[in-house]
Every structure is written in C-alpha cells, then in structure tokens.
Amino acid sequence: MSVCAVANAKGRLFITAETDCSEFVLLDQAEFSNLESGSLQQMLETLHLLFEFDAELFAIVELALIMAFLTSHFGGRIVRWLGK
C-alpha cells in the first residue's frame, strides 16, 4: 500500500493523508516492482510516441510555410506594381 509522506524541519518523514501528498510517495515492494516492470516502460513508450520528431511532417509544414510566404510576398509586389 502506498502512503504519502512529508519531511519536517529535522528531515524526518511523517505519513500524511492521501490528499496532502506533495513531497514523497512511499511504495511497497510489490508496487515498485509493478511500476518498474510494466507501467514505467509503457509510459516511456507513450512519451516517445507523443514527442518523437517526425522529419517528414516537419518537411511538409516547412514547405507549406515557405510557399505561403513566397506567394504572399510576390503577390504583394504584383499588387503594388499594378497600383502605380
């Protein structure tokens, strides 16, 4: 069973209520083994999938932004030239 703990001024840990858990969480051996073996690895894989750099997507977005810039830049020059 996991419990929440808070350190006092002398550095000693005291168990607190579950809602006041802001510093430490103490786990028993079974919970730690479960976290270490399965769910931690699954969490790392999820983070890798979410924050992985996708070079192909970056190239598509970069090309779209460059094309939008060039189109608006030269479109503005043509409008300015026609206005003279």
PDB file of N, CA and C in Angstrom:
ATOM      1  N   MET A   1       0.850  -1.174   0.000  1.00  0.00           N
ATOM      2  CA  MET A   1       0.000   0.000   0.000  1.00  0.00           C
ATOM      3  C   MET A   1       0.894   1.235   0.000  1.00  0.00           C
ATOM      4  N   SER A   2       0.664   2.157  -0.882  1.00  0.00           N
ATOM      5  CA  SER A   2       1.459   3.380  -0.941  1.00  0.00           C
ATOM      6  C   SER A   2       0.910   4.403   0.039  1.00  0.00           C
ATOM      7  N   VAL A   3       1.820   5.186   0.601  1.00  0.00           N
ATOM      8  CA  VAL A   3       1.435   6.236   1.544  1.00  0.00           C
ATOM      9  C   VAL A   3       2.166   7.516   1.174  1.00  0.00           C
ATOM     10  N   CYS A   4       1.596   8.635   1.559  1.00  0.00           N
ATOM     11  CA  CYS A   4       2.214   9.936   1.337  1.00  0.00           C
ATOM     12  C   CYS A   4       3.011  10.315   2.575  1.00  0.00           C
ATOM     13  N   ALA A   5       4.152  10.948   2.361  1.00  0.00           N
ATOM     14  CA  ALA A   5       4.993  11.349   3.481  1.00  0.00           C
ATOM     15  C   ALA A   5       5.505  12.759   3.244  1.00  0.00           C
ATOM     16  N   VAL A   6       5.722  13.482   4.355  1.00  0.00           N
ATOM     17  CA  VAL A   6       6.227  14.855   4.310  1.00  0.00           C
ATOM     18  C   VAL A   6       7.410  14.939   5.263  1.00  0.00           C
ATOM     19  N   ALA A   7       8.468  15.642   4.854  1.00  0.00           N
ATOM     20  CA  ALA A   7       9.641  15.821   5.714  1.00  0.00           C
ATOM     21  C   ALA A   7       9.442  17.049   6.589  1.00  0.00           C
ATOM     22  N   ASN A   8       9.813  16.913   7.875  1.00  0.00           N
ATOM     23  CA  ASN A   8       9.726  18.065   8.776  1.00  0.00           C
ATOM     24  C   ASN A   8      11.050  18.821   8.755  1.00  0.00           C
ATOM     25  N   ALA A   9      11.215  19.804   9.638  1.00  0.00           N
ATOM     26  CA  ALA A   9      12.418  20.641   9.662  1.00  0.00           C
ATOM     27  C   ALA A   9      13.668  19.837  10.006  1.00  0.00           C
ATOM     28  N   LYS A  10      13.527  18.763  10.768  1.00  0.00           N
ATOM     29  CA  LYS A  10      14.675  17.941  11.154  1.00  0.00           C
ATOM     30  C   LYS A  10      15.017  16.891  10.100  1.00  0.00           C
ATOM     31  N   GLY A  11      14.228  16.800   9.054  1.00  0.00           N
ATOM     32  CA  GLY A  11      14.494  15.846   7.992  1.00  0.00           C
ATOM     33  C   GLY A  11      13.829  14.504   8.179  1.00  0.00           C
ATOM     34  N   ARG A  12      12.972  14.371   9.149  1.00  0.00           N
ATOM     35  CA  ARG A  12      12.263  13.115   9.381  1.00  0.00           C
ATOM     36  C   ARG A  12      10.979  13.077   8.556  1.00  0.00           C
ATOM     37  N   LEU A  13      10.618  11.885   8.117  1.00  0.00           N
ATOM     38  CA  LEU A  13       9.413  11.716   7.314  1.00  0.00           C
ATOM     39  C   LEU A  13       8.231  11.351   8.194  1.00  0.00           C
ATOM     40  N   PHE A  14       7.089  11.972   7.908  1.00  0.00           N
ATOM     41  CA  PHE A  14       5.846  11.677   8.610  1.00  0.00           C
ATOM     42  C   PHE A  14       4.774  11.350   7.585  1.00  0.00           C
ATOM     43  N   ILE A  15       3.970  10.340   7.888  1.00  0.00           N
ATOM     44  CA  ILE A  15       2.887   9.931   6.992  1.00  0.00           C
ATOM     45  C   ILE A  15       1.751  10.939   7.100  1.00  0.00           C
ATOM     46  N   THR A  16       1.220  11.356   5.943  1.00  0.00           N
ATOM     47  CA  THR A  16       0.116  12.320   5.899  1.00  0.00           C
ATOM     48  C   THR A  16      -1.070  11.699   5.176  1.00  0.00           C
ATOM     49  N   ALA A  17      -2.146  12.465   5.079  1.00  0.00           N
ATOM     50  CA  ALA A  17      -3.342  11.998   4.369  1.00  0.00           C
ATOM     51  C   ALA A  17      -3.068  11.940   2.870  1.00  0.00           C
ATOM     52  N   GLU A  18      -3.817  11.138   2.148  1.00  0.00           N
ATOM     53  CA  GLU A  18      -3.632  10.965   0.707  1.00  0.00           C
ATOM     54  C   GLU A  18      -3.798  12.269  -0.066  1.00  0.00           C
ATOM     55  N   THR A  19      -4.687  13.149   0.372  1.00  0.00           N
ATOM     56  CA  THR A  19      -4.937  14.387  -0.370  1.00  0.00           C
ATOM     57  C   THR A  19      -3.836  15.412  -0.159  1.00  0.00           C
ATOM     58  N   ASP A  20      -3.031  15.260   0.872  1.00  0.00           N
ATOM     59  CA  ASP A  20      -1.962  16.223   1.156  1.00  0.00           C
ATOM     60  C   ASP A  20      -0.621  15.784   0.587  1.00  0.00           C
ATOM     61  N   CYS A  21      -0.600  14.845  -0.304  1.00  0.00           N
ATOM     62  CA  CYS A  21       0.649  14.281  -0.814  1.00  0.00           C
ATOM     63  C   CYS A  21       1.325  15.276  -1.755  1.00  0.00           C
ATOM     64  N   SER A  22       2.380  15.932  -1.264  1.00  0.00           N
ATOM     65  CA  SER A  22       3.067  16.921  -2.085  1.00  0.00           C
ATOM     66  C   SER A  22       4.571  16.704  -2.144  1.00  0.00           C
ATOM     67  N   GLU A  23       5.125  15.821  -1.325  1.00  0.00           N
ATOM     68  CA  GLU A  23       6.574  15.647  -1.317  1.00  0.00           C
ATOM     69  C   GLU A  23       7.017  14.246  -1.711  1.00  0.00           C
ATOM     70  N   PHE A  24       6.631  13.234  -0.943  1.00  0.00           N
ATOM     71  CA  PHE A  24       7.119  11.877  -1.170  1.00  0.00           C
ATOM     72  C   PHE A  24       5.962  10.892  -1.214  1.00  0.00           C
ATOM     73  N   VAL A  25       6.131   9.856  -2.018  1.00  0.00           N
ATOM     74  CA  VAL A  25       5.197   8.731  -2.027  1.00  0.00           C
ATOM     75  C   VAL A  25       6.019   7.489  -1.727  1.00  0.00           C
ATOM     76  N   LEU A  26       5.651   6.781  -0.671  1.00  0.00           N
ATOM     77  CA  LEU A  26       6.359   5.566  -0.283  1.00  0.00           C
ATOM     78  C   LEU A  26       5.601   4.361  -0.826  1.00  0.00           C
ATOM     79  N   LEU A  27       6.307   3.495  -1.557  1.00  0.00           N
ATOM     80  CA  LEU A  27       5.704   2.319  -2.175  1.00  0.00           C
ATOM     81  C   LEU A  27       6.203   1.061  -1.485  1.00  0.00           C
ATOM     82  N   ASP A  28       5.376   0.024  -1.495  1.00  0.00           N
ATOM     83  CA  ASP A  28       5.880  -1.259  -1.014  1.00  0.00           C
ATOM     84  C   ASP A  28       6.564  -1.979  -2.174  1.00  0.00           C
ATOM     85  N   GLN A  29       7.175  -3.118  -1.895  1.00  0.00           N
ATOM     86  CA  GLN A  29       7.979  -3.818  -2.891  1.00  0.00           C
ATOM     87  C   GLN A  29       7.154  -4.260  -4.091  1.00  0.00           C
ATOM     88  N   ALA A  30       5.943  -4.723  -3.867  1.00  0.00           N
ATOM     89  CA  ALA A  30       5.106  -5.200  -4.978  1.00  0.00           C
ATOM     90  C   ALA A  30       4.729  -4.057  -5.918  1.00  0.00           C
ATOM     91  N   GLU A  31       4.358  -2.906  -5.372  1.00  0.00           N
ATOM     92  CA  GLU A  31       4.005  -1.753  -6.212  1.00  0.00           C
ATOM     93  C   GLU A  31       5.216  -1.243  -6.986  1.00  0.00           C
ATOM     94  N   PHE A  32       6.372  -1.232  -6.331  1.00  0.00           N
ATOM     95  CA  PHE A  32       7.586  -0.780  -7.008  1.00  0.00           C
ATOM     96  C   PHE A  32       7.953  -1.716  -8.149  1.00  0.00           C
ATOM     97  N   SER A  33       7.861  -3.009  -7.924  1.00  0.00           N
ATOM     98  CA  SER A  33       8.168  -3.983  -8.978  1.00  0.00           C
ATOM     99  C   SER A  33       7.201  -3.847 -10.146  1.00  0.00           C
ATOM    100  N   ASN A  34       5.930  -3.621  -9.845  1.00  0.00           N
ATOM    101  CA  ASN A  34       4.926  -3.442 -10.888  1.00  0.00           C
ATOM    102  C   ASN A  34       5.213  -2.182 -11.693  1.00  0.00           C
ATOM    103  N   LEU A  35       5.551  -1.107 -11.017  1.00  0.00           N
ATOM    104  CA  LEU A  35       5.865   0.147 -11.695  1.00  0.00           C
ATOM    105  C   LEU A  35       7.119   0.006 -12.531  1.00  0.00           C
ATOM    106  N   GLU A  36       8.108  -0.650 -11.976  1.00  0.00           N
ATOM    107  CA  GLU A  36       9.387  -0.799 -12.658  1.00  0.00           C
ATOM    108  C   GLU A  36       9.275  -1.691 -13.887  1.00  0.00           C
ATOM    109  N   SER A  37       8.502  -2.764 -13.789  1.00  0.00           N
ATOM    110  CA  SER A  37       8.467  -3.733 -14.880  1.00  0.00           C
ATOM    111  C   SER A  37       7.530  -3.331 -16.014  1.00  0.00           C
ATOM    112  N   GLY A  38       6.303  -2.956 -15.701  1.00  0.00           N
ATOM    113  CA  GLY A  38       5.329  -2.781 -16.767  1.00  0.00           C
ATOM    114  C   GLY A  38       4.945  -1.362 -17.067  1.00  0.00           C
ATOM    115  N   SER A  39       4.374  -0.685 -16.118  1.00  0.00           N
ATOM    116  CA  SER A  39       3.762   0.602 -16.413  1.00  0.00           C
ATOM    117  C   SER A  39       4.789   1.690 -16.690  1.00  0.00           C
ATOM    118  N   LEU A  40       5.978   1.606 -16.104  1.00  0.00           N
ATOM    119  CA  LEU A  40       7.010   2.604 -16.391  1.00  0.00           C
ATOM    120  C   LEU A  40       7.475   2.478 -17.836  1.00  0.00           C
ATOM    121  N   GLN A  41       7.686   1.247 -18.280  1.00  0.00           N
ATOM    122  CA  GLN A  41       8.096   1.030 -19.666  1.00  0.00           C
ATOM    123  C   GLN A  41       7.005   1.484 -20.630  1.00  0.00           C
ATOM    124  N   GLN A  42       5.759   1.215 -20.296  1.00  0.00           N
ATOM    125  CA  GLN A  42       4.644   1.631 -21.143  1.00  0.00           C
ATOM    126  C   GLN A  42       4.549   3.155 -21.193  1.00  0.00           C
ATOM    127  N   MET A  43       4.785   3.823 -20.061  1.00  0.00           N
ATOM    128  CA  MET A  43       4.746   5.279 -20.029  1.00  0.00           C
ATOM    129  C   MET A  43       5.869   5.868 -20.879  1.00  0.00           C
ATOM    130  N   LEU A  44       7.057   5.282 -20.819  1.00  0.00           N
ATOM    131  CA  LEU A  44       8.171   5.769 -21.627  1.00  0.00           C
ATOM    132  C   LEU A  44       7.892   5.594 -23.117  1.00  0.00           C
ATOM    133  N   GLU A  45       7.289   4.486 -23.494  1.00  0.00           N
ATOM    134  CA  GLU A  45       6.934   4.276 -24.901  1.00  0.00           C
ATOM    135  C   GLU A  45       5.893   5.287 -25.367  1.00  0.00           C
ATOM    136  N   THR A  46       4.916   5.591 -24.510  1.00  0.00           N
ATOM    137  CA  THR A  46       3.891   6.576 -24.853  1.00  0.00           C
ATOM    138  C   THR A  46       4.507   7.955 -25.026  1.00  0.00           C
ATOM    139  N   LEU A  47       5.398   8.347 -24.116  1.00  0.00           N
ATOM    140  CA  LEU A  47       6.062   9.644 -24.242  1.00  0.00           C
ATOM    141  C   LEU A  47       6.911   9.705 -25.502  1.00  0.00           C
ATOM    142  N   HIS A  48       7.569   8.615 -25.837  1.00  0.00           N
ATOM    143  CA  HIS A  48       8.379   8.589 -27.050  1.00  0.00           C
ATOM    144  C   HIS A  48       7.505   8.764 -28.289  1.00  0.00           C
ATOM    145  N   LEU A  49       6.353   8.110 -28.310  1.00  0.00           N
ATOM    146  CA  LEU A  49       5.456   8.253 -29.456  1.00  0.00           C
ATOM    147  C   LEU A  49       4.884   9.665 -29.566  1.00  0.00           C
ATOM    148  N   LEU A  50       4.578  10.294 -28.428  1.00  0.00           N
ATOM    149  CA  LEU A  50       3.971  11.625 -28.450  1.00  0.00           C
ATOM    150  C   LEU A  50       4.962  12.715 -28.838  1.00  0.00           C
ATOM    151  N   PHE A  51       6.194  12.616 -28.375  1.00  0.00           N
ATOM    152  CA  PHE A  51       7.149  13.702 -28.558  1.00  0.00           C
ATOM    153  C   PHE A  51       8.274  13.366 -29.524  1.00  0.00           C
ATOM    154  N   GLU A  52       8.090  12.349 -30.329  1.00  0.00           N
ATOM    155  CA  GLU A  52       9.087  11.967 -31.306  1.00  0.00           C
ATOM    156  C   GLU A  52       9.124  13.004 -32.436  1.00  0.00           C
ATOM    157  N   PHE A  53      10.315  13.353 -32.907  1.00  0.00           N
ATOM    158  CA  PHE A  53      10.459  14.304 -34.001  1.00  0.00           C
ATOM    159  C   PHE A  53      10.213  13.577 -35.312  1.00  0.00           C
ATOM    160  N   ASP A  54       9.249  14.040 -36.061  1.00  0.00           N
ATOM    161  CA  ASP A  54       8.899  13.434 -37.339  1.00  0.00           C
ATOM    162  C   ASP A  54       9.443  14.324 -38.453  1.00  0.00           C
ATOM    163  N   ALA A  55      10.507  13.883 -39.100  1.00  0.00           N
ATOM    164  CA  ALA A  55      11.167  14.687 -40.125  1.00  0.00           C
ATOM    165  C   ALA A  55      10.270  14.897 -41.343  1.00  0.00           C
ATOM    166  N   GLU A  56       9.493  13.903 -41.709  1.00  0.00           N
ATOM    167  CA  GLU A  56       8.619  14.033 -42.876  1.00  0.00           C
ATOM    168  C   GLU A  56       7.530  15.081 -42.642  1.00  0.00           C
ATOM    169  N   LEU A  57       6.912  15.061 -41.473  1.00  0.00           N
ATOM    170  CA  LEU A  57       5.890  16.057 -41.140  1.00  0.00           C
ATOM    171  C   LEU A  57       6.503  17.458 -41.071  1.00  0.00           C
ATOM    172  N   PHE A  58       7.702  17.568 -40.507  1.00  0.00           N
ATOM    173  CA  PHE A  58       8.380  18.858 -40.442  1.00  0.00           C
ATOM    174  C   PHE A  58       8.645  19.402 -41.842  1.00  0.00           C
ATOM    175  N   ALA A  59       9.075  18.549 -42.755  1.00  0.00           N
ATOM    176  CA  ALA A  59       9.349  18.985 -44.123  1.00  0.00           C
ATOM    177  C   ALA A  59       8.082  19.472 -44.814  1.00  0.00           C
ATOM    178  N   ILE A  60       6.969  18.791 -44.595  1.00  0.00           N
ATOM    179  CA  ILE A  60       5.698  19.208 -45.206  1.00  0.00           C
ATOM    180  C   ILE A  60       5.263  20.568 -44.677  1.00  0.00           C
ATOM    181  N   VAL A  61       5.328  20.748 -43.365  1.00  0.00           N
ATOM    182  CA  VAL A  61       4.924  22.025 -42.760  1.00  0.00           C
ATOM    183  C   VAL A  61       5.860  23.139 -43.196  1.00  0.00           C
ATOM    184  N   GLU A  62       7.162  22.860 -43.224  1.00  0.00           N
ATOM    185  CA  GLU A  62       8.130  23.872 -43.647  1.00  0.00           C
ATOM    186  C   GLU A  62       7.886  24.297 -45.093  1.00  0.00           C
ATOM    187  N   LEU A  63       7.652  23.343 -45.967  1.00  0.00           N
ATOM    188  CA  LEU A  63       7.380  23.653 -47.371  1.00  0.00           C
ATOM    189  C   LEU A  63       6.108  24.480 -47.511  1.00  0.00           C
ATOM    190  N   ALA A  64       5.073  24.129 -46.764  1.00  0.00           N
ATOM    191  CA  ALA A  64       3.819  24.884 -46.835  1.00  0.00           C
ATOM    192  C   ALA A  64       4.022  26.322 -46.366  1.00  0.00           C
ATOM    193  N   LEU A  65       4.796  26.517 -45.304  1.00  0.00           N
ATOM    194  CA  LEU A  65       5.038  27.877 -44.809  1.00  0.00           C
ATOM    195  C   LEU A  65       5.890  28.693 -45.776  1.00  0.00           C
ATOM    196  N   ILE A  66       6.888  28.065 -46.377  1.00  0.00           N
ATOM    197  CA  ILE A  66       7.718  28.774 -47.361  1.00  0.00           C
ATOM    198  C   ILE A  66       6.887  29.157 -48.581  1.00  0.00           C
ATOM    199  N   MET A  67       6.047  28.243 -49.055  1.00  0.00           N
ATOM    200  CA  MET A  67       5.199  28.550 -50.210  1.00  0.00           C
ATOM    201  C   MET A  67       4.203  29.661 -49.891  1.00  0.00           C
ATOM    202  N   ALA A  68       3.634  29.652 -48.688  1.00  0.00           N
ATOM    203  CA  ALA A  68       2.704  30.715 -48.301  1.00  0.00           C
ATOM    204  C   ALA A  68       3.424  32.055 -48.237  1.00  0.00           C
ATOM    205  N   PHE A  69       4.646  32.067 -47.708  1.00  0.00           N
ATOM    206  CA  PHE A  69       5.409  33.311 -47.633  1.00  0.00           C
ATOM    207  C   PHE A  69       5.727  33.836 -49.031  1.00  0.00           C
ATOM    208  N   LEU A  70       6.242  32.966 -49.894  1.00  0.00           N
ATOM    209  CA  LEU A  70       6.621  33.415 -51.236  1.00  0.00           C
ATOM    210  C   LEU A  70       5.406  33.872 -52.042  1.00  0.00           C
ATOM    211  N   THR A  71       4.295  33.159 -51.932  1.00  0.00           N
ATOM    212  CA  THR A  71       3.079  33.543 -52.650  1.00  0.00           C
ATOM    213  C   THR A  71       2.590  34.914 -52.203  1.00  0.00           C
ATOM    214  N   SER A  72       2.534  35.126 -50.903  1.00  0.00           N
ATOM    215  CA  SER A  72       2.052  36.425 -50.416  1.00  0.00           C
ATOM    216  C   SER A  72       3.057  37.537 -50.703  1.00  0.00           C
ATOM    217  N   HIS A  73       4.346  37.238 -50.635  1.00  0.00           N
ATOM    218  CA  HIS A  73       5.363  38.261 -50.909  1.00  0.00           C
ATOM    219  C   HIS A  73       5.281  38.733 -52.366  1.00  0.00           C
ATOM    220  N   PHE A  74       5.313  37.784 -53.292  1.00  0.00           N
ATOM    221  CA  PHE A  74       5.276  38.181 -54.699  1.00  0.00           C
ATOM    222  C   PHE A  74       3.886  38.659 -55.121  1.00  0.00           C
ATOM    223  N   GLY A  75       2.842  38.153 -54.498  1.00  0.00           N
ATOM    224  CA  GLY A  75       1.501  38.686 -54.755  1.00  0.00           C
ATOM    225  C   GLY A  75       1.408  40.142 -54.335  1.00  0.00           C
ATOM    226  N   GLY A  76       1.996  40.485 -53.209  1.00  0.00           N
ATOM    227  CA  GLY A  76       2.025  41.877 -52.757  1.00  0.00           C
ATOM    228  C   GLY A  76       2.826  42.764 -53.683  1.00  0.00           C
ATOM    229  N   ARG A  77       3.931  42.247 -54.201  1.00  0.00           N
ATOM    230  CA  ARG A  77       4.732  43.038 -55.149  1.00  0.00           C
ATOM    231  C   ARG A  77       3.955  43.301 -56.444  1.00  0.00           C
ATOM    232  N   ILE A  78       3.218  42.291 -56.914  1.00  0.00           N
ATOM    233  CA  ILE A  78       2.424  42.464 -58.138  1.00  0.00           C
ATOM    234  C   ILE A  78       1.308  43.476 -57.902  1.00  0.00           C
ATOM    235  N   VAL A  79       0.627  43.398 -56.775  1.00  0.00           N
ATOM    236  CA  VAL A  79      -0.430  44.365 -56.459  1.00  0.00           C
ATOM    237  C   VAL A  79       0.159  45.763 -56.360  1.00  0.00           C
ATOM    238  N   ARG A  80       1.322  45.895 -55.764  1.00  0.00           N
ATOM    239  CA  ARG A  80       1.977  47.209 -55.654  1.00  0.00           C
ATOM    240  C   ARG A  80       2.358  47.730 -57.044  1.00  0.00           C
ATOM    241  N   TRP A  81       2.869  46.840 -57.913  1.00  0.00           N
ATOM    242  CA  TRP A  81       3.261  47.243 -59.262  1.00  0.00           C
ATOM    243  C   TRP A  81       2.036  47.664 -60.078  1.00  0.00           C
ATOM    244  N   LEU A  82       0.901  46.945 -59.921  1.00  0.00           N
ATOM    245  CA  LEU A  82      -0.315  47.299 -60.646  1.00  0.00           C
ATOM    246  C   LEU A  82      -0.936  48.591 -60.122  1.00  0.00           C
ATOM    247  N   GLY A  83      -0.668  48.935 -58.875  1.00  0.00           N
ATOM    248  CA  GLY A  83      -1.247  50.138 -58.290  1.00  0.00           C
ATOM    249  C   GLY A  83      -0.540  51.409 -58.714  1.00  0.00           C
ATOM    250  N   LYS A  84       0.654  51.301 -59.278  1.00  0.00           N
ATOM    251  CA  LYS A  84       1.388  52.511 -59.681  1.00  0.00           C
ATOM    252  C   LYS A  84       0.898  53.097 -60.957  1.00  0.00           C
TER     253      LYS A  84
END
